[in-house]
Amino acid sequence: MTDNKNEKAEVEQSYFDTSTNDQTNNVQCEKHEHIQITEETSDDSLNLGQIIKETGDFGRFQALSFAYTSIVIVTLTWSMLTMVFTATIPDWNCIITDGSGNFTSESKQCSVNGSGCDAFTFEQDMSTAVSQWTLVCDKKWVSQTITTIQMTGLLVGGLLWGHISDGIGRKPTFFFNLALLGVCNLVSVFSVNWEMFAAMRFVIGFGCTGFMSASLTFEFIRNKWRVYLILVPSWAFWASMMAVFCWRVPDWRFIHVAVACVTLPGLLGWFLLPESFRWLVSHGRLEEAENSIKYVAKINGKPPPDLTKLRAVIEKEQQLAKETKALQVYTVLDLFKTSRIRKTAILFALIWLFSSYSYYGIAFGVQELAGSLYLNMFLVSIVDIPGYILVVIFNTCGGRKWTCVGFYLLGGIFAVVVGVFQYINFSISGSALNSLALAAKLCVSAAWEINTLWSSESFPTVVRNIGGGFISSVSRIGSMVAPQIISLSVDRPGLLYLVCGVVCVLSSAMCALLEETKNKDLSDMLPQKTNKVADGGVYIEKTLLNIESIKDN
């Protein structure tokens, strides 16, 4: 919610009137010491979280809308992880003919006695992009490159969809991308070559970012409930179900058809879910905001909240904004205008980059594990569920920050152990090494899950999706690099996990530098630009915060 401009003006006037006294009182501070003076309001009637609480807190509407998104996330999960199976290289043979009808077959050899292969055969038990377009030998780089192309789509989407979602709203962004994923998965089935398929994977990656950047339920759920929603393992469940589906129907085409089919009923949610109340308020669309929150109250069986005071404050803010011609359109540049937001954006972006590499490196590199491909796909996904339970328990005791610090550090240790064992070819059973790799995946997934919530809470509403889009885009560099490291790991055993271990330890250190958000309500507006006053080497830093910094009780 926006600040009261008159109050802000009075505070600023008072500040400059007393600046001399303030500086005098602080002359004993060390040189270049920064003193932050914070102005807050404690009027609960102006708190958007309080208004949402009055409509039923976590009531029937929140439960139903969260259940809906937990189901339709199957479209996102399968679209993102399809390449785990589709890029798999089935057992294959090189066929050499001698011109007289005789032939020689060698398993996984690109040449026999100096002669190149005349043809290739693949096992019939599975159909992947590799067997479809013979992506072996001189084309062995293609399958993992397609995965990198998909992740490039996510990077580009992250740069755009955050701005679009914060500009046109959460609802149209969400449903457009849901439809886009369904259509592109269906079109992929008719790809005539790997280039066309790669192009569709780029668009699918692009749509995945838009889907993720426009959560319809997050801004209707208050702080104390959000962490417990992690206990609903939607992503892990659908990812493990994809492994089961691939086991029963091991054909890349049918996976894409299945995604298109499950997407269609999900589009009906357009008629059931309202636009985000917080987004509507932050954009001054008061009538629609009132209708949105009244709809929520009705579903929850509560009387509509009194929004009279809210309307008066926002209308005054709009009028003052017009008079001062204040800029109302936010961009990614706003993430770097104050030290507080800049630090938040940069640290979360790096943490997400490292998390993305680690998570998708282990997920897409499932072929490196010993044993059945389908069982390993299932285990790599299902192992996230106990991680979610642990992360909620530790978050309840220690908050977002120290939960992330601990899990990233543990994940790094497990990954380094796996990498070292693979590098030195240490004699250890395949099951034991798989267990260590799964433990690393559990820790990385748990840490990234709570980090996703933490980062969303750390950005104000007006730039929440811009901030989320920015850090999501940066993170895709990690997921783009991961498939290439997987290819290199064939000749350099342990490389994938050694890099994973190092970046997890770095993530743990960076998490320790961020601010805790547990038990704090979402902020809605950016802090005003910091003013600095210098006198004899003493600097006084003043930032006017917004009313949404009130503790969410």
Foldseek 3Di string as FASTA:
>chain_A
DDDQVVVVVVVVVVCVVCVVVVCVVCVVPDFPDEAEDEDADDPLLQAPLSQLVQLPFCFPVLVVLLVLCLQLCLLLLLLLQLLLQQLDAAWKWFWADDPPPDIDIDTQDQADPPHGGPDMDGDPLAAHLCRVAVCDDVNVVLSLLLSLLLLLLLLVLLQPLLQVCLPVFLLVLQLVLLLQSLVLLLVLLVDPHVVVNSVSSSSNSSSSNSNVLRDQNPLSHWQVCVLVSLLSPSSLVSQLVVLVVCNVVRYSSVSSNVSNVSSVVSSVCSVVGATRLLSCLLLPVVVSSQVRQCVSSVSRVGHNDDCVVVNVSSVSVVVVCVVVVPDSRDALVVCCQAPQSVLLLVLLLLLLQLLLLLQLLLQSLLVVADDDSSVSSNLLRNLQNVLSVVLSVVCVVPFLLVSLLVLLLLLLVLLQVLLVCFQVVPDDDSVVSSVSSSSSNNSSSSSVVSSVVFSLQSDAASSSSSSVSSSSSSNSVSSSVSSVVSVVCVVRPSSSSNSSSVSSNVSSVSSNVHDGCRQATRHHDDKPRWDWDDDPSYIYTYIYGYNRRDGND
